[in-house]
Structure formats: C-alpha cells, structure tokens
Amino acid sequence: MAQSVTLIGAGKMGAAMARRWGGAGRDVVVWNRTPETAQALAGPRIRAERDLVAAVRGARVVVSILTDGNAVRSVLVDHGGIAAMEAGSTLVDLSTIDVGSSRAVAGAAAERGVAYVRGAVSGTPGVVAAGNAALLLSGPPEALDAARDVLDDVTPKHAVVGAEEESRVVKLATNLMLAVTVEALAEATVLAESCGVSREVLLDALGNTVIASPFLAYKSEALAARDYQATFTTAGMVKDLKLAVCQGAANGVPMPITTGALGQFRETTAAGYGDDDFLSVFRLQQLRSNVAVDSYEPR
C-alpha cells in the first residue's frame, strides 16, 4: 500500500500534486490557510483537514507549497507546523522563497529532528498534472531518499543540486531567465510588427533559429493566440525577481538585466495585468509603443 502524504497549501500547484498522489493510490491529507480551498479539493483519497496540527500529526512525509517566505515561516515555524511533526519524519518544501526563510525552516526542522528537503517546481499546474514537471531539490541524502517515492509520483524528473539551500538559488536563476526571455520576446515581436512583419511570421521564423527552445515555442503559441491566461502571473514574477535581485545584492553580484526586467514587470502589474500571465509584458510594450493593445477576456 502506498504511503500517505500530507500537503500544506492547496493552490493550483498543490492541487495538481494532490491529484497526482491520489491517482497513484496515495491517501492525501490537505490543509490550507483558507479552509474552503482545501475542502474544494476533497474527493477520492483526498481529505481536507481544518486543523494544521491534526493534518501533520503522524505523517511520515509532509509537503508544503506556499505563497512566499513569510507564509512558509508563519505556517511551518510560527504556527507550529514543524513542531507538530514527529521526529524522524520528512518535510519537503516546494515553495519559491528566499534563502533566509528556508534557513529558518531548516533550523526549526533540525531542532525537532525532522529531515528537510528544499525544493521547487519547474512547470505550470497543467504540466504538473500531466507528470511532465521537473523538481529542483536540495537536502541531505537521507532526507531525499525518504521523500523520493512521494516525489516520484509528482514527476520522475528530479535535479538534485546540493545538500542545503542550493535549490532556492537555482529556482530564482531559472525564473529570472524566463523573465528576461519573455521581455526580449515582447520587444522583438513589437519591433517586427512595427516594421510590417506579422507576429506569426516572426514566431515561426524564431522557432527555426538557434534560439529555439521548448519555452520559446510554448510562449510563442500563447502570443500568437493572444492568450494571457495565467500559467504564472505577472505579480508572481515580480515577487521572484525581487528575491533574485535581493540575493544578488546580498552576494555582491550586480544584476542589471534582472533589475531592468523587474522594473518592466512591476510596470506591467501597475498597468492592470498583475493577475494575467507574465507574457503580459508584451502588452506593456504595445502600450509604450502607442500601438493597439491585444484584447483579452479571462476564461
């Protein structure tokens, strides 16, 4: 019989993971800061729990995926999530957070005797649901071993990048690359259209050049379809770019391109596109260029 798992955080990513565990024959206990969100996820093999302590008590593996570092500290440290776990159990946090918050969790876990895996998900909720996401992981080998079967049910693609906080940094590096790629795509496409080249022609051509990539193809498809349904929101990208810039400052690393991208995505949010996909930086470029802005009605 497959080992059960407790999930802390029932947002879109957490929900996709819970359904994969349920489909793999695991019993899943779900807790969320907004109880109604967890309850909406309840179904075969998935049970919502309103009490945090009850949700984690007795669980051998607890997986958390929360909004930011403040939420992670609040739930896991300040409100007793880790303190209620059993010594010898394993915590896997897949939130995209700062190194300082992760270290605070590590300290609380060590004090309780809980093994701690740091991690992040590379992929959208749809990609997770299909089993095609990748996990960026770091932690002690014994902690990674204890969590491996549970994480394999999410995806077999694991990139172990270190024994401590390395996965936090790799996730920020990944997201800043996504941000600057989309910003460059926006500028290139508006430039092409201003010169009479349709975006469809440009995007098809780019797909046949040396810069072609799965990510470029995915975003090109959405751009051609004028589809700004959020796979990763503009506001979420602002949060992650701020973390990357702060980490650079803490390490004495200048990050002019990332800092510029942060400004662009902040302005995109201010233009009213914070809840839309971060591809909406293209619409900011249209606004700045005094051309017609893509219309979009959320589905």
Protein backbone atom coordinates (compact mmCIF):
# COMPACT_ATOMS: atom_id res chain seq x y z
CA MET A 1 0.00 0.00 0.00
CA ALA A 2 1.36 3.43 -0.96
CA GLN A 3 2.45 5.70 1.88
CA SER A 4 0.10 8.58 2.65
CA VAL A 5 1.23 12.21 2.37
CA THR A 6 0.17 15.50 3.93
CA LEU A 7 0.02 18.58 1.72
CA ILE A 8 0.21 22.09 3.17
CA GLY A 9 -1.02 24.56 0.57
CA ALA A 10 -3.89 23.82 -1.81
CA GLY A 11 -3.28 26.40 -4.52
CA LYS A 12 -3.15 25.47 -8.19
CA MET A 13 0.25 23.76 -7.95
CA GLY A 14 -0.60 21.97 -4.71
CA ALA A 15 -3.94 20.83 -6.11
CA ALA A 16 -2.25 19.34 -9.17
CA MET A 17 0.18 17.42 -6.95
CA ALA A 18 -2.58 16.17 -4.65
CA ARG A 19 -4.49 14.77 -7.60
CA ARG A 20 -1.39 13.01 -8.88
CA TRP A 21 -0.84 11.38 -5.48
CA GLY A 22 -4.48 10.33 -5.29
CA GLY A 23 -4.23 8.88 -8.79
CA ALA A 24 -1.15 6.93 -7.72
CA GLY A 25 -3.11 5.32 -4.89
CA ARG A 26 -1.91 7.50 -2.03
CA ASP A 27 -4.16 8.89 0.67
CA VAL A 28 -3.66 12.66 0.88
CA VAL A 29 -4.46 14.98 3.79
CA VAL A 30 -4.70 18.61 2.67
CA TRP A 31 -4.50 21.73 4.82
CA ASN A 32 -4.75 25.28 3.55
CA ARG A 33 -4.77 28.66 5.30
CA THR A 34 -8.16 29.22 3.66
CA PRO A 35 -10.04 26.04 4.66
CA GLU A 36 -12.58 26.34 1.84
CA THR A 37 -9.80 25.96 -0.73
CA ALA A 38 -8.72 22.67 0.81
CA GLN A 39 -12.32 21.49 1.07
CA ALA A 40 -12.88 22.16 -2.63
CA LEU A 41 -10.06 19.73 -3.38
CA ALA A 42 -11.51 16.90 -1.28
CA GLY A 43 -12.51 13.74 -3.11
CA PRO A 44 -11.44 10.13 -3.57
CA ARG A 45 -8.28 9.61 -1.49
CA ILE A 46 -8.04 13.35 -0.71
CA ARG A 47 -9.26 14.56 2.69
CA ALA A 48 -9.35 18.20 3.79
CA GLU A 49 -8.27 18.98 7.35
CA ARG A 50 -9.05 22.30 9.03
CA ASP A 51 -6.52 21.95 11.85
CA LEU A 52 -2.82 22.28 10.98
CA VAL A 53 -1.60 20.16 13.88
CA ALA A 54 -4.05 17.37 13.06
CA ALA A 55 -3.01 17.49 9.40
CA VAL A 56 0.68 16.87 10.07
CA ARG A 57 0.45 14.67 13.15
CA GLY A 58 1.63 11.14 12.33
CA ALA A 59 2.58 11.95 8.74
CA ARG A 60 5.86 10.46 7.59
CA VAL A 61 6.14 12.91 4.68
CA VAL A 62 4.75 16.45 4.68
CA VAL A 63 4.96 18.53 1.50
CA SER A 64 4.39 22.29 1.64
CA ILE A 65 3.94 24.70 -1.25
CA LEU A 66 3.01 28.18 -0.09
CA THR A 67 2.96 31.71 -1.48
CA ASP A 68 6.18 33.18 -0.15
CA GLY A 69 8.76 33.16 2.61
CA ASN A 70 6.51 34.94 5.09
CA ALA A 71 3.79 32.33 4.60
CA VAL A 72 6.28 29.48 4.97
CA ARG A 73 7.71 30.89 8.19
CA SER A 74 4.23 31.63 9.55
CA VAL A 75 2.78 28.18 8.90
CA LEU A 76 5.77 25.95 9.50
CA VAL A 77 7.58 27.82 12.27
CA ASP A 78 5.37 30.41 13.98
CA HIS A 79 2.12 28.41 13.95
CA GLY A 80 3.63 25.06 14.86
CA GLY A 81 3.61 23.09 11.62
CA ILE A 82 7.06 21.64 12.21
CA ALA A 83 6.62 21.40 15.98
CA ALA A 84 3.62 19.11 15.44
CA MET A 85 5.54 16.75 13.15
CA GLU A 86 7.06 13.57 14.52
CA ALA A 87 10.80 13.26 14.99
CA GLY A 88 12.17 11.18 12.13
CA SER A 89 9.56 12.38 9.62
CA THR A 90 10.42 14.37 6.49
CA LEU A 91 9.39 17.84 5.39
CA VAL A 92 9.61 18.81 1.71
CA ASP A 93 9.06 22.49 1.00
CA LEU A 94 8.48 23.29 -2.68
CA SER A 95 7.69 26.99 -2.26
CA THR A 96 9.70 29.58 -4.19
CA ILE A 97 11.20 31.53 -1.29
CA ASP A 98 14.28 33.39 -0.14
CA VAL A 99 17.29 31.64 1.34
CA GLY A 100 16.82 33.32 4.74
CA SER A 101 13.31 31.95 5.19
CA SER A 102 14.46 28.50 4.13
CA ARG A 103 17.26 28.58 6.68
CA ALA A 104 14.76 29.49 9.40
CA VAL A 105 12.74 26.41 8.44
CA ALA A 106 15.91 24.32 8.44
CA GLY A 107 16.71 25.43 11.99
CA ALA A 108 13.23 24.57 13.26
CA ALA A 109 13.32 21.19 11.49
CA ALA A 110 16.72 20.31 12.93
CA GLU A 111 15.55 21.21 16.43
CA ARG A 112 12.54 18.93 16.06
CA GLY A 113 14.51 16.08 14.46
CA VAL A 114 12.67 16.42 11.14
CA ALA A 115 14.53 15.77 7.89
CA TYR A 116 14.27 18.70 5.48
CA VAL A 117 14.23 18.76 1.69
CA ARG A 118 14.27 22.14 -0.02
CA GLY A 119 12.85 22.28 -3.49
CA ALA A 120 10.92 23.99 -6.24
CA VAL A 121 8.75 23.01 -9.15
CA SER A 122 9.65 23.87 -12.73
CA GLY A 123 6.41 23.79 -14.69
CA THR A 124 2.84 25.04 -14.68
CA PRO A 125 -0.08 23.33 -12.88
CA GLY A 126 -1.04 21.75 -16.20
CA VAL A 127 2.47 20.43 -16.69
CA VAL A 128 2.41 19.03 -13.12
CA ALA A 129 -0.96 17.38 -13.78
CA ALA A 130 0.49 15.66 -16.84
CA GLY A 131 3.52 14.40 -14.89
CA ASN A 132 5.93 16.42 -17.04
CA ALA A 133 7.20 18.94 -14.49
CA ALA A 134 10.72 18.90 -13.07
CA LEU A 135 11.72 19.22 -9.42
CA LEU A 136 14.77 21.16 -8.29
CA LEU A 137 15.85 19.62 -4.99
CA SER A 138 18.49 20.03 -2.33
CA GLY A 139 18.96 18.46 1.07
CA PRO A 140 20.77 15.68 2.92
CA PRO A 141 20.84 12.36 1.03
CA GLU A 142 18.82 10.59 3.72
CA ALA A 143 16.05 13.21 3.51
CA LEU A 144 15.95 12.97 -0.28
CA ASP A 145 15.76 9.18 -0.03
CA ALA A 146 12.84 9.35 2.42
CA ALA A 147 10.86 11.63 0.12
CA ARG A 148 11.78 10.04 -3.22
CA ASP A 149 8.74 7.79 -3.72
CA VAL A 150 6.30 10.59 -2.88
CA LEU A 151 8.09 12.99 -5.22
CA ASP A 152 8.37 10.39 -7.98
CA ASP A 153 4.57 10.34 -8.12
CA VAL A 154 4.64 14.04 -8.96
CA THR A 155 7.34 13.60 -11.60
CA PRO A 156 10.32 11.30 -12.10
CA LYS A 157 12.40 14.30 -13.22
CA HIS A 158 14.49 15.31 -10.20
CA ALA A 159 17.51 17.60 -10.37
CA VAL A 160 19.41 17.38 -7.07
CA VAL A 161 21.60 20.47 -6.90
CA GLY A 162 23.09 20.35 -3.41
CA ALA A 163 22.67 19.49 0.25
CA GLU A 164 21.38 22.79 1.66
CA GLU A 165 19.80 25.90 0.09
CA GLU A 166 21.06 25.46 -3.47
CA SER A 167 17.65 24.63 -4.95
CA ARG A 168 16.33 28.01 -3.77
CA VAL A 169 19.01 29.79 -5.78
CA VAL A 170 18.60 27.59 -8.86
CA LYS A 171 14.85 28.27 -8.88
CA LEU A 172 15.43 32.04 -8.77
CA ALA A 173 18.02 31.71 -11.53
CA THR A 174 15.54 29.74 -13.63
CA ASN A 175 12.75 32.28 -13.17
CA LEU A 176 14.92 35.27 -13.97
CA MET A 177 15.88 33.51 -17.22
CA LEU A 178 12.19 33.04 -18.02
CA ALA A 179 11.50 36.70 -17.29
CA VAL A 180 14.24 38.15 -19.48
CA THR A 181 13.39 35.71 -22.28
CA VAL A 182 9.75 36.84 -22.33
CA GLU A 183 10.78 40.50 -22.11
CA ALA A 184 13.11 40.03 -25.12
CA LEU A 185 10.34 38.20 -26.99
CA ALA A 186 7.98 41.11 -26.32
CA GLU A 187 10.42 43.70 -27.63
CA ALA A 188 11.33 41.62 -30.68
CA THR A 189 7.71 40.99 -31.60
CA VAL A 190 6.54 44.58 -31.27
CA LEU A 191 9.59 45.68 -33.28
CA ALA A 192 8.77 43.19 -36.05
CA GLU A 193 5.12 44.22 -36.17
CA SER A 194 6.08 47.90 -36.33
CA CYS A 195 8.08 47.06 -39.46
CA GLY A 196 5.21 45.22 -41.12
CA VAL A 197 6.24 41.67 -40.17
CA SER A 198 3.36 39.74 -38.58
CA ARG A 199 3.99 38.10 -35.26
CA GLU A 200 3.02 34.75 -36.73
CA VAL A 201 5.76 35.03 -39.36
CA LEU A 202 8.31 36.18 -36.79
CA LEU A 203 7.47 33.50 -34.25
CA ASP A 204 7.58 30.76 -36.86
CA ALA A 205 10.97 32.02 -38.01
CA LEU A 206 12.36 32.18 -34.47
CA GLY A 207 11.36 28.56 -33.99
CA ASN A 208 13.78 27.64 -36.76
CA THR A 209 16.76 29.56 -35.42
CA VAL A 210 19.47 28.76 -32.88
CA ILE A 211 17.43 30.37 -30.09
CA ALA A 212 14.55 27.89 -30.47
CA SER A 213 13.58 26.17 -27.21
CA PRO A 214 10.59 24.40 -25.65
CA PHE A 215 9.87 27.50 -23.57
CA LEU A 216 10.06 29.85 -26.55
CA ALA A 217 7.73 27.55 -28.50
CA TYR A 218 5.25 27.43 -25.63
CA LYS A 219 5.16 31.19 -25.14
CA SER A 220 5.13 31.82 -28.90
CA GLU A 221 1.99 29.70 -29.19
CA ALA A 222 0.27 31.76 -26.48
CA LEU A 223 1.44 35.04 -28.02
CA ALA A 224 0.17 34.06 -31.46
CA ALA A 225 -3.20 33.15 -29.91
CA ARG A 226 -3.35 36.40 -27.88
CA ASP A 227 -3.80 34.15 -24.83
CA TYR A 228 -2.85 35.69 -21.48
CA GLN A 229 -4.49 33.09 -19.25
CA ALA A 230 -2.15 32.86 -16.28
CA THR A 231 0.20 29.91 -16.09
CA PHE A 232 2.43 32.11 -13.91
CA THR A 233 1.12 35.54 -13.02
CA THR A 234 2.90 38.82 -13.60
CA ALA A 235 2.61 39.58 -9.88
CA GLY A 236 4.23 36.24 -9.09
CA MET A 237 7.11 37.04 -11.41
CA VAL A 238 7.60 40.39 -9.67
CA LYS A 239 7.92 38.54 -6.35
CA ASP A 240 10.53 36.14 -7.69
CA LEU A 241 12.58 38.80 -9.47
CA LYS A 242 12.69 40.83 -6.26
CA LEU A 243 14.06 37.76 -4.47
CA ALA A 244 16.69 37.27 -7.19
CA VAL A 245 17.80 40.90 -7.09
CA CYS A 246 17.98 40.84 -3.28
CA GLN A 247 20.02 37.65 -3.36
CA GLY A 248 22.38 39.25 -5.85
CA ALA A 249 22.78 42.30 -3.61
CA ALA A 250 23.47 40.08 -0.59
CA ASN A 251 26.23 38.31 -2.54
CA GLY A 252 27.69 41.41 -4.15
CA VAL A 253 26.54 40.37 -7.63
CA PRO A 254 25.32 43.19 -9.94
CA MET A 255 22.20 42.14 -11.85
CA PRO A 256 21.40 44.93 -14.33
CA ILE A 257 19.33 42.80 -16.72
CA THR A 258 17.27 41.26 -13.92
CA THR A 259 16.80 44.67 -12.28
CA GLY A 260 15.57 46.06 -15.60
CA ALA A 261 13.19 43.14 -16.04
CA LEU A 262 11.86 43.68 -12.52
CA GLY A 263 11.00 47.25 -13.47
CA GLN A 264 9.21 46.06 -16.60
CA PHE A 265 7.11 43.50 -14.75
CA ARG A 266 6.31 45.96 -11.98
CA GLU A 267 5.03 48.38 -14.60
CA THR A 268 3.05 45.58 -16.25
CA THR A 269 1.37 44.90 -12.92
CA ALA A 270 0.64 48.59 -12.45
CA ALA A 271 -0.99 48.62 -15.89
CA GLY A 272 -3.58 46.16 -14.59
CA TYR A 273 -2.09 42.86 -15.75
CA GLY A 274 -0.87 41.51 -12.41
CA ASP A 275 -3.27 38.56 -12.38
CA ASP A 276 -2.67 37.67 -16.03
CA ASP A 277 0.22 35.64 -17.37
CA PHE A 278 3.63 37.29 -17.20
CA LEU A 279 3.57 37.20 -21.01
CA SER A 280 1.50 40.37 -20.50
CA VAL A 281 4.77 42.31 -20.53
CA PHE A 282 4.11 42.20 -24.30
CA ARG A 283 1.01 44.34 -23.79
CA LEU A 284 3.10 46.80 -21.79
CA GLN A 285 5.44 47.04 -24.77
CA GLN A 286 2.45 47.72 -27.01
CA LEU A 287 1.25 50.46 -24.67
CA ARG A 288 4.66 52.09 -24.67
CA SER A 289 4.86 51.87 -28.46
CA ASN A 290 1.47 53.56 -28.94
CA VAL A 291 0.04 50.65 -30.90
CA ALA A 292 -3.19 48.72 -30.39
CA VAL A 293 -3.01 46.53 -27.31
CA ASP A 294 -4.08 42.89 -27.55
CA SER A 295 -7.57 42.41 -26.17
CA TYR A 296 -8.08 39.53 -23.79
CA GLU A 297 -11.01 38.26 -21.74
CA PRO A 298 -10.11 35.77 -18.99
CA ARG A 299 -11.77 32.39 -19.43
